[in-house]
Amino acid sequence: MSKKIGLYIGGRRFDVDVDDEFAKFLEVQMEKDFNIEGNNELKLVMQAYVRKTYELYKQEEKIAEIVKKLEQ
């Protein structure tokens, strides 16, 4: 099953269809980063993107460390 999740950015509504299981996680994350009930300016979207990309970067570093330890 899929679920539709929407967000207003720059006065326009954007909807995405995602798997139900992922939708639960995504909704929690979006509530942390965005105004779910109202409009979000593009600057806020860019800040959220950079923040999430940094989190991914740090995760990749940790994974690389673990792989290196396992290879020793």
PDB file of N, CA and C in Angstrom:
ATOM      1  N   MET A   1       0.838  -1.183   0.000  1.00  0.00           N
ATOM      2  CA  MET A   1       0.000   0.000   0.000  1.00  0.00           C
ATOM      3  C   MET A   1       0.883   1.247   0.000  1.00  0.00           C
ATOM      4  N   SER A   2       0.301   2.332  -0.461  1.00  0.00           N
ATOM      5  CA  SER A   2       1.030   3.590  -0.445  1.00  0.00           C
ATOM      6  C   SER A   2       0.174   4.668   0.206  1.00  0.00           C
ATOM      7  N   LYS A   3       0.852   5.710   0.624  1.00  0.00           N
ATOM      8  CA  LYS A   3       0.183   6.819   1.278  1.00  0.00           C
ATOM      9  C   LYS A   3       0.655   8.114   0.630  1.00  0.00           C
ATOM     10  N   LYS A   4      -0.253   9.060   0.449  1.00  0.00           N
ATOM     11  CA  LYS A   4       0.083  10.351  -0.136  1.00  0.00           C
ATOM     12  C   LYS A   4       0.407  11.324   0.991  1.00  0.00           C
ATOM     13  N   ILE A   5       1.573  11.968   0.882  1.00  0.00           N
ATOM     14  CA  ILE A   5       1.993  12.968   1.855  1.00  0.00           C
ATOM     15  C   ILE A   5       2.208  14.275   1.100  1.00  0.00           C
ATOM     16  N   GLY A   6       1.685  15.361   1.648  1.00  0.00           N
ATOM     17  CA  GLY A   6       1.781  16.649   0.970  1.00  0.00           C
ATOM     18  C   GLY A   6       2.447  17.708   1.810  1.00  0.00           C
ATOM     19  N   LEU A   7       3.012  18.696   1.114  1.00  0.00           N
ATOM     20  CA  LEU A   7       3.697  19.803   1.759  1.00  0.00           C
ATOM     21  C   LEU A   7       3.575  21.026   0.865  1.00  0.00           C
ATOM     22  N   TYR A   8       3.319  22.184   1.476  1.00  0.00           N
ATOM     23  CA  TYR A   8       3.276  23.433   0.725  1.00  0.00           C
ATOM     24  C   TYR A   8       4.654  24.072   0.729  1.00  0.00           C
ATOM     25  N   ILE A   9       5.155  24.347  -0.474  1.00  0.00           N
ATOM     26  CA  ILE A   9       6.449  25.002  -0.642  1.00  0.00           C
ATOM     27  C   ILE A   9       6.252  26.150  -1.611  1.00  0.00           C
ATOM     28  N   GLY A  10       6.619  27.334  -1.173  1.00  0.00           N
ATOM     29  CA  GLY A  10       6.482  28.500  -2.030  1.00  0.00           C
ATOM     30  C   GLY A  10       5.064  28.719  -2.507  1.00  0.00           C
ATOM     31  N   GLY A  11       4.090  28.379  -1.668  1.00  0.00           N
ATOM     32  CA  GLY A  11       2.690  28.572  -2.010  1.00  0.00           C
ATOM     33  C   GLY A  11       2.077  27.492  -2.882  1.00  0.00           C
ATOM     34  N   ARG A  12       2.852  26.470  -3.236  1.00  0.00           N
ATOM     35  CA  ARG A  12       2.341  25.364  -4.049  1.00  0.00           C
ATOM     36  C   ARG A  12       2.361  24.083  -3.240  1.00  0.00           C
ATOM     37  N   ARG A  13       1.367  23.256  -3.448  1.00  0.00           N
ATOM     38  CA  ARG A  13       1.316  21.968  -2.749  1.00  0.00           C
ATOM     39  C   ARG A  13       2.016  20.900  -3.587  1.00  0.00           C
ATOM     40  N   PHE A  14       2.862  20.153  -2.919  1.00  0.00           N
ATOM     41  CA  PHE A  14       3.559  19.038  -3.544  1.00  0.00           C
ATOM     42  C   PHE A  14       3.162  17.768  -2.803  1.00  0.00           C
ATOM     43  N   ASP A  15       2.698  16.776  -3.531  1.00  0.00           N
ATOM     44  CA  ASP A  15       2.304  15.494  -2.962  1.00  0.00           C
ATOM     45  C   ASP A  15       3.220  14.398  -3.480  1.00  0.00           C
ATOM     46  N   VAL A  16       3.545  13.474  -2.591  1.00  0.00           N
ATOM     47  CA  VAL A  16       4.326  12.302  -2.979  1.00  0.00           C
ATOM     48  C   VAL A  16       3.623  11.058  -2.459  1.00  0.00           C
ATOM     49  N   ASP A  17       3.687   9.992  -3.207  1.00  0.00           N
ATOM     50  CA  ASP A  17       3.163   8.700  -2.787  1.00  0.00           C
ATOM     51  C   ASP A  17       4.338   7.865  -2.301  1.00  0.00           C
ATOM     52  N   VAL A  18       4.238   7.403  -1.064  1.00  0.00           N
ATOM     53  CA  VAL A  18       5.299   6.581  -0.489  1.00  0.00           C
ATOM     54  C   VAL A  18       4.688   5.354   0.173  1.00  0.00           C
ATOM     55  N   ASP A  19       5.501   4.350   0.364  1.00  0.00           N
ATOM     56  CA  ASP A  19       5.099   3.121   1.042  1.00  0.00           C
ATOM     57  C   ASP A  19       4.603   3.454   2.452  1.00  0.00           C
ATOM     58  N   ASP A  20       3.579   2.752   2.910  1.00  0.00           N
ATOM     59  CA  ASP A  20       2.995   3.011   4.228  1.00  0.00           C
ATOM     60  C   ASP A  20       4.025   2.994   5.354  1.00  0.00           C
ATOM     61  N   GLU A  21       4.890   2.021   5.344  1.00  0.00           N
ATOM     62  CA  GLU A  21       5.892   1.894   6.407  1.00  0.00           C
ATOM     63  C   GLU A  21       6.832   3.096   6.416  1.00  0.00           C
ATOM     64  N   PHE A  22       7.297   3.503   5.239  1.00  0.00           N
ATOM     65  CA  PHE A  22       8.172   4.676   5.133  1.00  0.00           C
ATOM     66  C   PHE A  22       7.410   5.954   5.460  1.00  0.00           C
ATOM     67  N   ALA A  23       6.135   5.998   5.144  1.00  0.00           N
ATOM     68  CA  ALA A  23       5.316   7.196   5.387  1.00  0.00           C
ATOM     69  C   ALA A  23       5.320   7.567   6.862  1.00  0.00           C
ATOM     70  N   LYS A  24       5.259   6.579   7.734  1.00  0.00           N
ATOM     71  CA  LYS A  24       5.277   6.849   9.175  1.00  0.00           C
ATOM     72  C   LYS A  24       6.556   7.580   9.567  1.00  0.00           C
ATOM     73  N   PHE A  25       7.664   7.079   9.089  1.00  0.00           N
ATOM     74  CA  PHE A  25       8.968   7.694   9.376  1.00  0.00           C
ATOM     75  C   PHE A  25       9.060   9.080   8.752  1.00  0.00           C
ATOM     76  N   LEU A  26       8.653   9.190   7.497  1.00  0.00           N
ATOM     77  CA  LEU A  26       8.736  10.459   6.773  1.00  0.00           C
ATOM     78  C   LEU A  26       7.906  11.546   7.437  1.00  0.00           C
ATOM     79  N   GLU A  27       6.712  11.218   7.883  1.00  0.00           N
ATOM     80  CA  GLU A  27       5.855  12.210   8.531  1.00  0.00           C
ATOM     81  C   GLU A  27       6.508  12.778   9.785  1.00  0.00           C
ATOM     82  N   VAL A  28       7.133  11.920  10.581  1.00  0.00           N
ATOM     83  CA  VAL A  28       7.820  12.376  11.796  1.00  0.00           C
ATOM     84  C   VAL A  28       8.970  13.308  11.424  1.00  0.00           C
ATOM     85  N   GLN A  29       9.739  12.911  10.429  1.00  0.00           N
ATOM     86  CA  GLN A  29      10.881  13.730  10.010  1.00  0.00           C
ATOM     87  C   GLN A  29      10.430  15.072   9.437  1.00  0.00           C
ATOM     88  N   MET A  30       9.376  15.048   8.640  1.00  0.00           N
ATOM     89  CA  MET A  30       8.885  16.282   8.036  1.00  0.00           C
ATOM     90  C   MET A  30       8.354  17.247   9.090  1.00  0.00           C
ATOM     91  N   GLU A  31       7.744  16.724  10.143  1.00  0.00           N
ATOM     92  CA  GLU A  31       7.259  17.582  11.221  1.00  0.00           C
ATOM     93  C   GLU A  31       8.403  18.294  11.926  1.00  0.00           C
ATOM     94  N   LYS A  32       9.583  17.662  11.955  1.00  0.00           N
ATOM     95  CA  LYS A  32      10.765  18.289  12.558  1.00  0.00           C
ATOM     96  C   LYS A  32      11.322  19.398  11.671  1.00  0.00           C
ATOM     97  N   ASP A  33      11.218  19.228  10.363  1.00  0.00           N
ATOM     98  CA  ASP A  33      11.876  20.136   9.429  1.00  0.00           C
ATOM     99  C   ASP A  33      10.976  21.207   8.829  1.00  0.00           C
ATOM    100  N   PHE A  34       9.673  20.959   8.774  1.00  0.00           N
ATOM    101  CA  PHE A  34       8.787  21.853   8.028  1.00  0.00           C
ATOM    102  C   PHE A  34       7.544  22.243   8.817  1.00  0.00           C
ATOM    103  N   ASN A  35       6.888  23.284   8.339  1.00  0.00           N
ATOM    104  CA  ASN A  35       5.577  23.683   8.832  1.00  0.00           C
ATOM    105  C   ASN A  35       4.567  22.820   8.073  1.00  0.00           C
ATOM    106  N   ILE A  36       4.074  21.799   8.710  1.00  0.00           N
ATOM    107  CA  ILE A  36       3.188  20.835   8.060  1.00  0.00           C
ATOM    108  C   ILE A  36       1.835  21.453   7.716  1.00  0.00           C
ATOM    109  N   GLU A  37       1.382  22.385   8.522  1.00  0.00           N
ATOM    110  CA  GLU A  37       0.055  22.971   8.336  1.00  0.00           C
ATOM    111  C   GLU A  37       0.038  24.180   7.401  1.00  0.00           C
ATOM    112  N   GLY A  38       1.196  24.764   7.131  1.00  0.00           N
ATOM    113  CA  GLY A  38       1.218  25.988   6.330  1.00  0.00           C
ATOM    114  C   GLY A  38       2.276  25.957   5.252  1.00  0.00           C
ATOM    115  N   ASN A  39       2.626  27.130   4.781  1.00  0.00           N
ATOM    116  CA  ASN A  39       3.576  27.278   3.690  1.00  0.00           C
ATOM    117  C   ASN A  39       5.014  27.221   4.205  1.00  0.00           C
ATOM    118  N   ASN A  40       5.895  26.729   3.371  1.00  0.00           N
ATOM    119  CA  ASN A  40       7.322  26.681   3.652  1.00  0.00           C
ATOM    120  C   ASN A  40       8.061  27.434   2.560  1.00  0.00           C
ATOM    121  N   GLU A  41       8.908  28.356   2.969  1.00  0.00           N
ATOM    122  CA  GLU A  41       9.695  29.105   1.995  1.00  0.00           C
ATOM    123  C   GLU A  41      10.828  28.228   1.465  1.00  0.00           C
ATOM    124  N   LEU A  42      11.303  28.564   0.288  1.00  0.00           N
ATOM    125  CA  LEU A  42      12.362  27.780  -0.341  1.00  0.00           C
ATOM    126  C   LEU A  42      13.624  27.736   0.513  1.00  0.00           C
ATOM    127  N   LYS A  43      13.919  28.814   1.233  1.00  0.00           N
ATOM    128  CA  LYS A  43      15.105  28.846   2.096  1.00  0.00           C
ATOM    129  C   LYS A  43      15.032  27.729   3.142  1.00  0.00           C
ATOM    130  N   LEU A  44      13.862  27.528   3.720  1.00  0.00           N
ATOM    131  CA  LEU A  44      13.676  26.478   4.719  1.00  0.00           C
ATOM    132  C   LEU A  44      13.897  25.098   4.104  1.00  0.00           C
ATOM    133  N   VAL A  45      13.422  24.911   2.891  1.00  0.00           N
ATOM    134  CA  VAL A  45      13.601  23.630   2.198  1.00  0.00           C
ATOM    135  C   VAL A  45      15.088  23.375   1.953  1.00  0.00           C
ATOM    136  N   MET A  46      15.811  24.403   1.551  1.00  0.00           N
ATOM    137  CA  MET A  46      17.252  24.269   1.312  1.00  0.00           C
ATOM    138  C   MET A  46      17.987  23.944   2.613  1.00  0.00           C
ATOM    139  N   GLN A  47      17.614  24.599   3.696  1.00  0.00           N
ATOM    140  CA  GLN A  47      18.240  24.320   4.987  1.00  0.00           C
ATOM    141  C   GLN A  47      17.986  22.876   5.418  1.00  0.00           C
ATOM    142  N   ALA A  48      16.779  22.392   5.226  1.00  0.00           N
ATOM    143  CA  ALA A  48      16.452  21.009   5.575  1.00  0.00           C
ATOM    144  C   ALA A  48      17.254  20.033   4.718  1.00  0.00           C
ATOM    145  N   TYR A  49      17.392  20.351   3.446  1.00  0.00           N
ATOM    146  CA  TYR A  49      18.167  19.489   2.548  1.00  0.00           C
ATOM    147  C   TYR A  49      19.627  19.410   3.009  1.00  0.00           C
ATOM    148  N   VAL A  50      20.218  20.546   3.320  1.00  0.00           N
ATOM    149  CA  VAL A  50      21.615  20.561   3.764  1.00  0.00           C
ATOM    150  C   VAL A  50      21.751  19.800   5.078  1.00  0.00           C
ATOM    151  N   ARG A  51      20.825  19.993   6.000  1.00  0.00           N
ATOM    152  CA  ARG A  51      20.860  19.299   7.296  1.00  0.00           C
ATOM    153  C   ARG A  51      20.790  17.783   7.098  1.00  0.00           C
ATOM    154  N   LYS A  52      19.888  17.325   6.258  1.00  0.00           N
ATOM    155  CA  LYS A  52      19.740  15.883   6.020  1.00  0.00           C
ATOM    156  C   LYS A  52      20.942  15.316   5.267  1.00  0.00           C
ATOM    157  N   THR A  53      21.504  16.091   4.367  1.00  0.00           N
ATOM    158  CA  THR A  53      22.694  15.636   3.640  1.00  0.00           C
ATOM    159  C   THR A  53      23.874  15.512   4.592  1.00  0.00           C
ATOM    160  N   TYR A  54      23.981  16.432   5.556  1.00  0.00           N
ATOM    161  CA  TYR A  54      25.040  16.344   6.554  1.00  0.00           C
ATOM    162  C   TYR A  54      24.863  15.087   7.412  1.00  0.00           C
ATOM    163  N   GLU A  55      23.628  14.791   7.804  1.00  0.00           N
ATOM    164  CA  GLU A  55      23.361  13.568   8.562  1.00  0.00           C
ATOM    165  C   GLU A  55      23.790  12.337   7.773  1.00  0.00           C
ATOM    166  N   LEU A  56      23.493  12.323   6.484  1.00  0.00           N
ATOM    167  CA  LEU A  56      23.892  11.213   5.627  1.00  0.00           C
ATOM    168  C   LEU A  56      25.420  11.114   5.548  1.00  0.00           C
ATOM    169  N   TYR A  57      26.078  12.240   5.426  1.00  0.00           N
ATOM    170  CA  TYR A  57      27.548  12.293   5.389  1.00  0.00           C
ATOM    171  C   TYR A  57      28.137  11.663   6.655  1.00  0.00           C
ATOM    172  N   LYS A  58      27.602  12.045   7.825  1.00  0.00           N
ATOM    173  CA  LYS A  58      28.102  11.500   9.084  1.00  0.00           C
ATOM    174  C   LYS A  58      27.834   9.987   9.176  1.00  0.00           C
ATOM    175  N   GLN A  59      26.683   9.539   8.691  1.00  0.00           N
ATOM    176  CA  GLN A  59      26.380   8.109   8.678  1.00  0.00           C
ATOM    177  C   GLN A  59      27.361   7.363   7.790  1.00  0.00           C
ATOM    178  N   GLU A  60      27.663   7.929   6.639  1.00  0.00           N
ATOM    179  CA  GLU A  60      28.623   7.299   5.717  1.00  0.00           C
ATOM    180  C   GLU A  60      29.998   7.185   6.372  1.00  0.00           C
ATOM    181  N   GLU A  61      30.404   8.213   7.116  1.00  0.00           N
ATOM    182  CA  GLU A  61      31.681   8.159   7.833  1.00  0.00           C
ATOM    183  C   GLU A  61      31.679   7.012   8.845  1.00  0.00           C
ATOM    184  N   LYS A  62      30.598   6.883   9.603  1.00  0.00           N
ATOM    185  CA  LYS A  62      30.510   5.820  10.602  1.00  0.00           C
ATOM    186  C   LYS A  62      30.526   4.442   9.955  1.00  0.00           C
ATOM    187  N   ILE A  63      29.822   4.297   8.848  1.00  0.00           N
ATOM    188  CA  ILE A  63      29.809   3.021   8.133  1.00  0.00           C
ATOM    189  C   ILE A  63      31.212   2.675   7.655  1.00  0.00           C
ATOM    190  N   ALA A  64      31.917   3.648   7.111  1.00  0.00           N
ATOM    191  CA  ALA A  64      33.286   3.420   6.630  1.00  0.00           C
ATOM    192  C   ALA A  64      34.194   2.992   7.787  1.00  0.00           C
ATOM    193  N   GLU A  65      34.022   3.606   8.958  1.00  0.00           N
ATOM    194  CA  GLU A  65      34.811   3.218  10.134  1.00  0.00           C
ATOM    195  C   GLU A  65      34.527   1.775  10.528  1.00  0.00           C
ATOM    196  N   ILE A  66      33.250   1.407  10.544  1.00  0.00           N
ATOM    197  CA  ILE A  66      32.879   0.036  10.922  1.00  0.00           C
ATOM    198  C   ILE A  66      33.435  -0.967   9.913  1.00  0.00           C
ATOM    199  N   VAL A  67      33.321  -0.668   8.642  1.00  0.00           N
ATOM    200  CA  VAL A  67      33.842  -1.567   7.607  1.00  0.00           C
ATOM    201  C   VAL A  67      35.349  -1.727   7.766  1.00  0.00           C
ATOM    202  N   LYS A  68      36.031  -0.637   8.027  1.00  0.00           N
ATOM    203  CA  LYS A  68      37.485  -0.685   8.207  1.00  0.00           C
ATOM    204  C   LYS A  68      37.857  -1.581   9.396  1.00  0.00           C
ATOM    205  N   LYS A  69      37.115  -1.454  10.517  1.00  0.00           N
ATOM    206  CA  LYS A  69      37.373  -2.295  11.683  1.00  0.00           C
ATOM    207  C   LYS A  69      37.093  -3.755  11.376  1.00  0.00           C
ATOM    208  N   LEU A  70      36.043  -4.037  10.615  1.00  0.00           N
ATOM    209  CA  LEU A  70      35.707  -5.418  10.282  1.00  0.00           C
ATOM    210  C   LEU A  70      36.747  -6.046   9.354  1.00  0.00           C
ATOM    211  N   GLU A  71      37.364  -5.224   8.534  1.00  0.00           N
ATOM    212  CA  GLU A  71      38.357  -5.755   7.598  1.00  0.00           C
ATOM    213  C   GLU A  71      39.706  -6.047   8.264  1.00  0.00           C
ATOM    214  N   GLN A  72      39.919  -5.515   9.450  1.00  0.00           N
ATOM    215  CA  GLN A  72      41.198  -5.719  10.149  1.00  0.00           C
ATOM    216  C   GLN A  72      41.276  -7.076  10.784  1.00  0.00           C
TER     217      GLN A  72
END
